[in-house]
Amino acid sequence: MGTNDKGDADVICVKEDSTREDRELTCREQMGQSQPTLHTDRVFKRYLPNNKLRLYIINRDLVVSQGKIDKLLGVIVVEPDYVRDKRVYAQITLTARLSREEEEVMGVKFCNEIPFCFTQLYPPYSHDDQPPAMTPVQEALIRSRGPNAYPFSVEVPAVAPPSIRLRPPQKYNGAPLGTSYEFRAWVAERADQRSDESSTVRMGITVIQRGLPTPRPISKLCEKPGCMTESTATSPVSEEPPAPPTAVVKRRLLLTEGSIRLEARLDRAIYAHGDSISVHVYIANDSHRSVRRIEVLALQHVEVCMFNNGIFKNTVASELEQDNCPLASGSTLTKTYSLRPTEGSPKHWIALEETYTRTGTSLACTVRSSEVNEKDRSPYYAINVSYYVQVKLLTSLMCEKISVKLPFTLIHRGAESEIMTFSTSPREIPGQTPTQGKNDARTHRKVGEINEKKRDPIPDVELIKNIDPKES
């Protein structure tokens, strides 16, 4: 296919950068010298083998926030002698693949392709009285590419589910599983004509949910006789920044007097990739039995809406108490556990971030259904991802476990400023000194840079970095 060929070697200098997923190309041609801010903008490029149809996309990652989604902006360059009396159409295709390729037999595919956002790029519609508004990057591309360049903007519906990649527990090298998006532009005579692969330009895009929704309320954590549970996570959602999740449970044991009180809280409600989760635990054993096992877990909850039983849970971080177990009768324990969620070796299907390459994957961010009307929602192709911390106590084999759940939100590393805005000072737990609480808060304010692994030098698409000659 023509979309895998090399780029314009005569005007673009290729430069490898091991800190990015794609190659970084430095464009030395004068692309709008009057715009001094273009040196921070990047443009993704794809074209046909004959170079007669070129596609430039400015924003490859579409961000969903507060029920709105970014428009897909770009420029299409069309050679009139190649198109002639034909037209250039484009659309976005959502691919939902939830089964392995080797399981597809007799031509039956467990893969759904949902096309939407169909539009005509060339010739542009002339019914508008005023030309469409363009960004400075689009204006620079049109000036540099000549009169055959045309800007376009595609409005994506806000109900589009975020891009999620599912990885099975067994080794798999087939087509990516989960939900992914692709932008296609092709040349055809009619809108209903099937696109030809030799005249089609494809480029993968992603839909990312960057909002900061409060964690879902977890009610009925331990709704059983003789158990009293209090949790701040069950409070109604307000406009204020979310408070750190806190849960308290008091359980009377079977065939014994007394009870066990378990308190747990997190230092904040929102975390970024690579952050450590501090879990503050307080246990008061007022029963005649000893606590034999204390376990702190961070779990990922994946819900595939296409299936009735498409729910998977994986432990992404865990810590087992060894020094203070068993906890004798009449004693207390106050301790802070540190968890760092990683994909590890899951036992079930795990949700990962959708990337343009298959290297350097990370856990998927928290994804929840958009707040839209039920009739406009497409729930069958959505994949909801949530996280929570669970603290479990075990006294004996005859008694059930005592546990509490603390939901939290996992977001991208790029929203560090939003994490600081939503973080609040943690509540003091009995037995913890104020100095220790200040040190924990100070530790979480220092967010270091992540050392990214070296990416695959083979790019999926070419990346152009526009540099102002005055500042280069």
Protein backbone atom coordinates (compact mmCIF):
# COMPACT_ATOMS: atom_id res chain seq x y z
CA MET A 1 0.00 0.00 0.00
CA GLY A 2 1.10 3.51 -0.71
CA THR A 3 0.63 4.69 2.81
CA ASN A 4 3.74 2.84 3.99
CA ASP A 5 6.21 4.51 1.63
CA LYS A 6 8.91 6.99 2.53
CA GLY A 7 8.41 10.75 2.75
CA ASP A 8 9.65 13.83 0.92
CA ALA A 9 13.39 13.25 1.27
CA ASP A 10 14.23 16.35 -0.75
CA VAL A 11 12.72 18.87 1.66
CA ILE A 12 12.62 16.96 4.98
CA CYS A 13 15.58 15.89 7.09
CA VAL A 14 15.02 12.67 9.05
CA LYS A 15 16.17 12.68 12.66
CA GLU A 16 15.72 9.84 15.13
CA ASP A 17 14.47 10.63 18.62
CA SER A 18 14.33 7.76 21.11
CA THR A 19 12.00 9.62 23.45
CA ARG A 20 9.03 9.66 21.06
CA GLU A 21 6.99 6.94 19.36
CA ASP A 22 7.43 8.38 15.89
CA ARG A 23 10.48 9.85 14.12
CA GLU A 24 10.88 13.56 14.45
CA LEU A 25 11.40 15.28 11.11
CA THR A 26 12.74 18.83 10.95
CA CYS A 27 11.23 20.91 8.14
CA ARG A 28 13.76 23.47 6.90
CA GLU A 29 11.48 25.07 4.34
CA GLN A 30 9.91 28.40 5.13
CA MET A 31 6.45 27.59 6.41
CA GLY A 32 5.06 30.90 7.56
CA GLN A 33 7.95 32.95 8.88
CA SER A 34 5.49 35.58 10.04
CA GLN A 35 4.15 33.14 12.64
CA PRO A 36 6.73 33.00 15.45
CA THR A 37 4.80 30.32 17.36
CA LEU A 38 4.93 27.58 14.75
CA HIS A 39 8.06 26.02 16.16
CA THR A 40 5.95 24.21 18.78
CA ASP A 41 3.41 22.75 16.32
CA ARG A 42 3.66 19.33 14.73
CA VAL A 43 1.99 17.93 11.66
CA PHE A 44 1.49 14.25 10.78
CA LYS A 45 1.75 13.32 7.12
CA ARG A 46 0.63 10.46 4.87
CA TYR A 47 0.37 10.25 1.07
CA LEU A 48 0.00 7.96 -1.93
CA PRO A 49 3.01 6.36 -3.69
CA ASN A 50 2.64 8.72 -6.65
CA ASN A 51 2.53 11.73 -4.31
CA LYS A 52 -0.69 12.93 -5.96
CA LEU A 53 -2.73 12.91 -2.76
CA ARG A 54 -1.15 14.11 0.49
CA LEU A 55 -2.79 14.24 3.89
CA TYR A 56 -1.62 16.45 6.78
CA ILE A 57 -3.24 16.15 10.22
CA ILE A 58 -2.48 18.61 13.00
CA ASN A 59 -4.11 16.96 16.03
CA ARG A 60 -3.84 13.20 15.95
CA ASP A 61 -5.11 12.83 19.53
CA LEU A 62 -8.70 13.98 20.02
CA VAL A 63 -9.44 14.92 23.63
CA VAL A 64 -12.86 14.39 25.20
CA SER A 65 -13.61 16.69 28.13
CA GLN A 66 -16.91 17.73 29.73
CA GLY A 67 -19.03 16.20 26.99
CA LYS A 68 -17.11 17.89 24.16
CA ILE A 69 -14.47 16.58 21.77
CA ASP A 70 -11.82 18.30 19.69
CA LYS A 71 -12.29 18.72 15.97
CA LEU A 72 -9.97 16.85 13.63
CA LEU A 73 -7.99 19.54 11.79
CA GLY A 74 -5.79 19.09 8.74
CA VAL A 75 -4.94 19.96 5.16
CA ILE A 76 -5.40 17.87 2.02
CA VAL A 77 -3.18 18.42 -1.05
CA VAL A 78 -4.76 17.20 -4.30
CA GLU A 79 -3.20 17.20 -7.76
CA PRO A 80 -5.93 18.18 -10.30
CA ASP A 81 -4.47 16.03 -13.10
CA TYR A 82 -4.80 12.94 -10.87
CA VAL A 83 -8.32 13.57 -9.60
CA ARG A 84 -9.79 15.12 -12.79
CA ASP A 85 -13.58 14.88 -12.55
CA LYS A 86 -13.52 12.70 -9.42
CA ARG A 87 -13.91 13.72 -5.80
CA VAL A 88 -12.01 13.16 -2.56
CA TYR A 89 -14.07 11.79 0.33
CA ALA A 90 -13.07 11.10 3.92
CA GLN A 91 -14.49 9.43 6.98
CA ILE A 92 -13.51 8.18 10.43
CA THR A 93 -13.85 4.47 11.12
CA LEU A 94 -14.24 2.97 14.59
CA THR A 95 -12.92 -0.59 14.76
CA ALA A 96 -14.10 -2.74 17.67
CA ARG A 97 -12.25 -6.05 17.77
CA LEU A 98 -12.92 -8.20 20.81
CA SER A 99 -11.69 -11.60 19.64
CA ARG A 100 -8.46 -13.12 18.41
CA GLU A 101 -7.75 -13.48 14.72
CA GLU A 102 -7.05 -17.22 15.04
CA GLU A 103 -10.57 -17.70 16.44
CA GLU A 104 -12.12 -16.37 13.22
CA VAL A 105 -13.09 -19.39 11.12
CA MET A 106 -15.13 -19.87 7.93
CA GLY A 107 -14.90 -16.21 7.08
CA VAL A 108 -16.74 -15.08 10.22
CA LYS A 109 -15.03 -12.03 11.74
CA PHE A 110 -15.53 -10.91 15.32
CA CYS A 111 -14.71 -7.36 14.34
CA ASN A 112 -17.11 -4.48 13.79
CA GLU A 113 -16.27 -1.38 11.74
CA ILE A 114 -18.49 1.63 12.36
CA PRO A 115 -17.98 4.47 9.85
CA PHE A 116 -19.05 7.99 10.76
CA CYS A 117 -18.15 11.62 10.09
CA PHE A 118 -18.41 11.16 6.33
CA THR A 119 -17.41 14.35 4.48
CA GLN A 120 -16.18 15.61 1.12
CA LEU A 121 -12.73 17.19 1.12
CA TYR A 122 -12.32 18.01 -2.58
CA PRO A 123 -13.71 19.94 -4.25
CA PRO A 124 -14.73 21.91 -1.15
CA TYR A 125 -18.35 22.87 -0.81
CA SER A 126 -19.12 26.30 -2.25
CA HIS A 127 -22.45 26.92 -0.54
CA ASP A 128 -20.78 28.70 2.37
CA ASP A 129 -20.70 32.46 2.07
CA GLN A 130 -17.55 32.74 4.16
CA PRO A 131 -14.48 30.47 4.04
CA PRO A 132 -14.00 28.22 7.06
CA ALA A 133 -11.85 29.51 9.90
CA MET A 134 -8.30 28.19 9.84
CA THR A 135 -5.63 27.79 12.49
CA PRO A 136 -2.17 29.35 12.01
CA VAL A 137 -0.73 25.91 11.22
CA GLN A 138 -3.29 25.33 8.48
CA GLU A 139 -2.57 28.75 7.00
CA ALA A 140 1.17 27.99 7.00
CA LEU A 141 0.62 24.62 5.32
CA ILE A 142 -1.56 26.16 2.61
CA ARG A 143 1.01 28.87 1.88
CA SER A 144 3.83 26.33 1.65
CA ARG A 145 1.97 23.63 -0.32
CA GLY A 146 0.54 25.90 -2.99
CA PRO A 147 -2.90 26.45 -4.47
CA ASN A 148 -3.79 22.75 -4.46
CA ALA A 149 -3.95 22.62 -0.64
CA TYR A 150 -7.35 22.74 1.04
CA PRO A 151 -8.06 22.91 4.79
CA PHE A 152 -10.64 20.73 6.48
CA SER A 153 -12.12 20.18 9.91
CA VAL A 154 -14.13 17.14 10.94
CA GLU A 155 -16.53 17.25 13.88
CA VAL A 156 -16.45 14.01 15.86
CA PRO A 157 -19.50 13.16 17.99
CA ALA A 158 -18.91 13.37 21.72
CA VAL A 159 -20.38 9.88 22.20
CA ALA A 160 -17.36 8.30 20.51
CA PRO A 161 -15.83 5.86 23.02
CA PRO A 162 -12.17 6.42 23.96
CA SER A 163 -9.45 4.34 22.35
CA ILE A 164 -8.63 1.31 24.51
CA ARG A 165 -6.40 -1.67 23.77
CA LEU A 166 -7.18 -4.99 25.42
CA ARG A 167 -4.38 -7.47 26.00
CA PRO A 168 -5.23 -11.12 26.69
CA PRO A 169 -3.29 -13.03 29.35
CA GLN A 170 -1.79 -15.37 26.73
CA LYS A 171 0.78 -14.20 24.20
CA TYR A 172 -0.89 -12.61 21.19
CA ASN A 173 0.61 -11.04 18.06
CA GLY A 174 -2.46 -10.54 15.89
CA ALA A 175 -4.51 -7.45 15.16
CA PRO A 176 -4.93 -5.12 18.15
CA LEU A 177 -7.91 -5.89 20.35
CA GLY A 178 -10.20 -3.21 21.71
CA THR A 179 -11.42 0.04 20.16
CA SER A 180 -9.33 2.02 17.67
CA TYR A 181 -9.92 4.80 15.13
CA GLU A 182 -8.68 5.42 11.62
CA PHE A 183 -9.06 8.43 9.32
CA ARG A 184 -9.41 7.52 5.64
CA ALA A 185 -9.33 9.73 2.54
CA TRP A 186 -9.89 8.28 -0.92
CA VAL A 187 -10.62 9.27 -4.51
CA ALA A 188 -13.92 8.17 -6.04
CA GLU A 189 -16.52 9.31 -8.54
CA ARG A 190 -19.50 8.95 -6.22
CA ALA A 191 -20.02 8.98 -2.48
CA ASP A 192 -21.47 5.46 -2.47
CA GLN A 193 -18.58 4.03 -4.48
CA ARG A 194 -16.33 1.60 -2.67
CA SER A 195 -12.87 2.94 -1.96
CA ASP A 196 -9.87 1.49 -3.77
CA GLU A 197 -6.82 0.62 -1.66
CA SER A 198 -4.46 2.06 -4.28
CA SER A 199 -6.10 5.49 -3.97
CA THR A 200 -6.73 5.53 -0.21
CA VAL A 201 -4.69 7.31 2.44
CA ARG A 202 -5.05 6.04 6.00
CA MET A 203 -3.88 7.41 9.32
CA GLY A 204 -4.63 6.15 12.82
CA ILE A 205 -6.00 8.57 15.40
CA THR A 206 -6.90 8.21 19.07
CA VAL A 207 -9.73 9.48 21.23
CA ILE A 208 -8.61 10.26 24.77
CA GLN A 209 -10.76 11.10 27.78
CA ARG A 210 -8.90 13.84 29.65
CA GLY A 211 -11.65 15.00 31.98
CA LEU A 212 -11.26 14.57 35.72
CA PRO A 213 -14.50 12.91 36.87
CA THR A 214 -14.80 12.06 40.52
CA PRO A 215 -14.48 8.37 41.38
CA ARG A 216 -17.68 6.38 41.27
CA PRO A 217 -19.40 5.97 44.64
CA ILE A 218 -18.83 2.57 46.18
CA SER A 219 -21.84 1.75 48.32
CA LYS A 220 -22.54 -1.34 50.37
CA LEU A 221 -18.88 -2.14 50.89
CA CYS A 222 -19.68 -4.62 53.61
CA GLU A 223 -23.45 -4.71 54.08
CA LYS A 224 -23.81 -7.64 56.45
CA PRO A 225 -25.26 -8.20 59.93
CA GLY A 226 -23.02 -6.86 62.63
CA CYS A 227 -21.05 -4.67 60.23
CA MET A 228 -21.11 -0.87 60.20
CA THR A 229 -19.53 0.93 57.26
CA GLU A 230 -18.83 4.61 56.79
CA SER A 231 -17.32 5.94 53.58
CA THR A 232 -16.88 9.45 52.23
CA ALA A 233 -16.89 7.99 48.72
CA THR A 234 -20.68 7.52 48.98
CA SER A 235 -21.33 11.24 49.25
CA PRO A 236 -23.09 12.97 46.34
CA VAL A 237 -20.90 14.32 43.57
CA SER A 238 -20.33 18.07 43.94
CA GLU A 239 -18.59 20.75 41.97
CA GLU A 240 -15.77 20.99 44.51
CA PRO A 241 -12.50 19.09 44.04
CA PRO A 242 -12.86 15.48 45.17
CA ALA A 243 -11.70 14.71 48.67
CA PRO A 244 -9.35 11.79 49.31
CA PRO A 245 -11.36 8.54 49.48
CA THR A 246 -11.86 7.31 53.02
CA ALA A 247 -13.60 4.17 54.29
CA VAL A 248 -14.26 2.80 57.79
CA VAL A 249 -15.68 -0.63 58.63
CA LYS A 250 -16.38 -2.25 61.99
CA ARG A 251 -17.08 -5.97 62.05
CA ARG A 252 -18.21 -8.28 64.85
CA LEU A 253 -16.75 -11.73 64.41
CA LEU A 254 -18.64 -15.01 64.57
CA LEU A 255 -18.66 -16.97 67.87
CA THR A 256 -16.52 -14.43 69.68
CA GLU A 257 -16.86 -11.18 71.54
CA GLY A 258 -15.54 -7.84 70.44
CA SER A 259 -15.02 -6.39 66.99
CA ILE A 260 -12.34 -5.30 64.54
CA ARG A 261 -12.23 -1.74 63.21
CA LEU A 262 -10.55 -1.01 59.89
CA GLU A 263 -9.89 2.50 58.60
CA ALA A 264 -8.26 3.22 55.25
CA ARG A 265 -7.77 6.31 53.13
CA LEU A 266 -5.74 7.55 50.17
CA ASP A 267 -3.66 10.71 50.10
CA ARG A 268 -5.62 12.02 47.09
CA ALA A 269 -8.32 10.97 44.64
CA ILE A 270 -6.50 11.50 41.31
CA TYR A 271 -3.17 10.03 40.22
CA ALA A 272 -1.07 10.12 37.06
CA HIS A 273 0.86 7.34 35.39
CA GLY A 274 3.96 6.53 37.42
CA ASP A 275 2.70 7.99 40.72
CA SER A 276 2.84 5.99 43.93
CA ILE A 277 -0.43 5.52 45.79
CA SER A 278 -0.09 6.00 49.55
CA VAL A 279 -2.66 3.93 51.45
CA HIS A 280 -2.98 4.88 55.13
CA VAL A 281 -4.35 1.97 57.18
CA TYR A 282 -5.45 1.89 60.82
CA ILE A 283 -6.56 -1.39 62.46
CA ALA A 284 -7.93 -1.76 66.00
CA ASN A 285 -8.35 -5.39 67.08
CA ASP A 286 -10.79 -5.44 70.01
CA SER A 287 -11.80 -9.07 69.49
CA HIS A 288 -10.47 -12.28 71.02
CA ARG A 289 -8.96 -13.39 67.72
CA SER A 290 -5.84 -12.33 65.92
CA VAL A 291 -5.59 -10.90 62.42
CA ARG A 292 -3.52 -13.42 60.50
CA ARG A 293 -3.24 -11.70 57.12
CA ILE A 294 -3.26 -8.06 55.94
CA GLU A 295 -3.24 -7.41 52.20
CA VAL A 296 -3.42 -4.14 50.25
CA LEU A 297 -4.31 -4.37 46.54
CA ALA A 298 -4.80 -1.99 43.62
CA LEU A 299 -7.19 -3.43 41.04
CA GLN A 300 -8.28 -2.52 37.54
CA HIS A 301 -11.94 -3.10 36.70
CA VAL A 302 -12.71 -3.44 32.97
CA GLU A 303 -16.26 -3.54 31.64
CA VAL A 304 -16.79 -4.44 27.98
CA CYS A 305 -20.31 -3.26 27.24
CA MET A 306 -20.66 -5.48 24.17
CA PHE A 307 -20.90 -8.63 26.33
CA ASN A 308 -23.15 -9.39 29.27
CA ASN A 309 -20.33 -11.05 31.18
CA GLY A 310 -17.53 -8.88 29.82
CA ILE A 311 -16.14 -7.86 33.22
CA PHE A 312 -12.48 -8.42 34.06
CA LYS A 313 -10.54 -7.64 37.22
CA ASN A 314 -6.76 -7.60 37.47
CA THR A 315 -4.43 -6.84 40.31
CA VAL A 316 -2.06 -4.11 39.12
CA ALA A 317 -0.22 -3.63 42.46
CA SER A 318 -0.18 -5.46 45.79
CA GLU A 319 1.58 -5.45 49.13
CA LEU A 320 1.39 -8.06 51.89
CA GLU A 321 2.02 -7.23 55.54
CA GLN A 322 4.64 -9.51 57.03
CA ASP A 323 6.21 -7.71 59.99
CA ASN A 324 3.08 -7.12 62.11
CA CYS A 325 1.17 -10.34 61.40
CA PRO A 326 -0.46 -11.94 63.22
CA LEU A 327 -1.99 -8.89 64.94
CA ALA A 328 -2.81 -10.04 68.46
CA SER A 329 -6.02 -9.30 70.34
CA GLY A 330 -6.18 -5.86 71.93
CA SER A 331 -3.46 -4.35 69.72
CA THR A 332 -3.57 -1.68 67.02
CA LEU A 333 -1.66 -1.04 63.81
CA THR A 334 -1.06 2.20 61.93
CA LYS A 335 0.93 1.97 58.73
CA THR A 336 1.21 3.56 55.28
CA TYR A 337 1.55 1.28 52.26
CA SER A 338 2.88 2.40 48.89
CA LEU A 339 1.51 0.98 45.64
CA ARG A 340 2.63 1.69 42.07
CA PRO A 341 0.21 0.32 39.46
CA THR A 342 1.83 -1.54 36.56
CA GLU A 343 0.50 -3.93 33.93
CA GLY A 344 2.66 -6.84 35.12
CA SER A 345 1.46 -10.35 34.23
CA PRO A 346 -2.33 -10.25 34.40
CA LYS A 347 -4.52 -13.32 34.83
CA HIS A 348 -7.37 -11.85 32.78
CA TRP A 349 -7.78 -9.34 29.98
CA ILE A 350 -6.23 -6.00 30.89
CA ALA A 351 -6.91 -2.55 29.43
CA LEU A 352 -3.93 -0.60 28.08
CA GLU A 353 -3.44 2.75 26.40
CA GLU A 354 -3.93 2.72 22.63
CA THR A 355 -0.62 3.63 20.96
CA TYR A 356 0.53 3.92 17.36
CA THR A 357 3.25 1.34 18.02
CA ARG A 358 3.19 -1.84 20.10
CA THR A 359 6.04 -0.84 22.38
CA GLY A 360 5.99 1.14 25.59
CA THR A 361 2.41 0.36 26.59
CA SER A 362 0.93 1.58 29.87
CA LEU A 363 -2.26 1.07 31.81
CA ALA A 364 -5.38 2.66 30.42
CA CYS A 365 -6.65 5.76 32.12
CA THR A 366 -9.97 5.86 33.90
CA VAL A 367 -12.74 5.77 31.28
CA ARG A 368 -16.42 6.27 32.03
CA SER A 369 -19.48 6.66 29.86
CA SER A 370 -20.21 10.16 28.62
CA GLU A 371 -23.04 12.11 30.20
CA VAL A 372 -25.32 12.15 27.15
CA ASN A 373 -28.82 11.00 26.36
CA GLU A 374 -29.34 7.27 26.39
CA LYS A 375 -30.79 7.31 22.85
CA ASP A 376 -27.63 8.94 21.47
CA ARG A 377 -25.20 6.63 23.21
CA SER A 378 -23.53 3.66 21.55
CA PRO A 379 -22.97 1.45 24.60
CA TYR A 380 -22.14 -1.72 22.70
CA TYR A 381 -18.67 -0.55 21.69
CA ALA A 382 -17.64 1.26 24.87
CA ILE A 383 -15.03 -0.09 27.27
CA ASN A 384 -15.23 1.36 30.78
CA VAL A 385 -12.13 1.27 32.96
CA SER A 386 -12.01 2.05 36.68
CA TYR A 387 -9.53 1.58 39.52
CA TYR A 388 -9.82 1.06 43.25
CA VAL A 389 -7.68 0.07 46.24
CA GLN A 390 -8.86 -2.80 48.43
CA VAL A 391 -7.63 -3.52 51.96
CA LYS A 392 -8.39 -7.05 53.16
CA LEU A 393 -8.06 -8.63 56.63
CA LEU A 394 -8.22 -12.36 57.37
CA THR A 395 -8.73 -13.69 60.89
CA SER A 396 -9.43 -17.38 60.26
CA LEU A 397 -10.59 -19.74 57.57
CA MET A 398 -14.09 -19.94 59.07
CA CYS A 399 -14.68 -16.18 59.11
CA GLU A 400 -15.15 -14.09 56.02
CA LYS A 401 -12.65 -11.45 55.05
CA ILE A 402 -12.99 -7.88 56.25
CA SER A 403 -12.37 -5.47 53.40
CA VAL A 404 -12.90 -1.90 52.23
CA LYS A 405 -12.64 -0.39 48.76
CA LEU A 406 -11.26 3.05 47.87
CA PRO A 407 -11.88 4.21 44.28
CA PHE A 408 -9.41 6.54 42.57
CA THR A 409 -8.92 8.08 39.13
CA LEU A 410 -5.89 7.41 36.90
CA ILE A 411 -5.10 10.07 34.29
CA HIS A 412 -2.35 10.95 31.84
CA ARG A 413 0.97 12.34 32.98
CA GLY A 414 0.37 15.54 30.98
CA ALA A 415 -2.29 16.76 33.43
CA GLU A 416 0.05 17.29 36.39
CA SER A 417 -1.28 20.79 37.07
CA GLU A 418 -4.81 19.39 37.35
CA ILE A 419 -3.61 16.83 39.86
CA MET A 420 -2.25 19.57 42.08
CA THR A 421 -5.50 21.50 41.80
CA PHE A 422 -7.64 18.57 42.88
CA SER A 423 -5.34 17.23 45.60
CA THR A 424 -6.27 18.06 49.17
CA SER A 425 -4.51 17.60 52.45
CA PRO A 426 -5.15 14.12 53.86
CA ARG A 427 -7.16 13.59 57.01
CA GLU A 428 -5.17 12.63 60.08
CA ILE A 429 -5.46 9.00 61.13
CA PRO A 430 -5.15 8.12 64.83
CA GLY A 431 -1.59 7.29 65.63
CA GLN A 432 -0.05 9.33 62.81
CA THR A 433 2.01 12.37 63.67
CA PRO A 434 1.44 15.69 61.84
CA THR A 435 5.04 15.68 60.65
CA GLN A 436 4.55 12.38 58.88
CA GLY A 437 1.48 13.72 57.06
CA LYS A 438 3.41 16.77 55.86
CA ASN A 439 6.23 14.61 54.57
CA ASP A 440 3.76 12.47 52.60
CA ALA A 441 2.16 15.54 51.04
CA ARG A 442 5.55 17.01 50.17
CA THR A 443 6.61 13.75 48.56
CA HIS A 444 3.58 13.70 46.28
CA ARG A 445 4.14 17.29 45.19
CA LYS A 446 7.47 16.36 43.68
CA VAL A 447 6.53 14.78 40.39
CA GLY A 448 9.57 13.58 38.49
CA GLU A 449 9.95 12.93 34.83
CA ILE A 450 9.38 9.45 33.51
CA ASN A 451 12.31 7.87 31.74
CA GLU A 452 10.65 6.61 28.61
CA LYS A 453 11.89 3.42 27.05
CA LYS A 454 13.51 3.50 23.67
CA ARG A 455 10.85 3.33 20.99
CA ASP A 456 10.81 1.34 17.80
CA PRO A 457 12.71 3.39 15.17
CA ILE A 458 10.19 2.34 12.49
CA PRO A 459 7.51 5.01 12.50
CA ASP A 460 3.82 4.52 11.85
CA VAL A 461 3.59 7.90 10.17
CA GLU A 462 6.06 10.67 9.58
CA LEU A 463 6.21 13.58 11.98
CA ILE A 464 7.08 17.09 10.82
CA LYS A 465 8.26 19.69 13.26
CA ASN A 466 7.83 23.24 11.99
CA ILE A 467 10.73 25.41 13.12
CA ASP A 468 10.93 29.13 12.63
CA PRO A 469 14.22 29.92 10.82
CA LYS A 470 14.78 32.88 13.13
CA GLU A 471 14.69 30.71 16.25
CA SER A 472 16.20 27.50 14.86
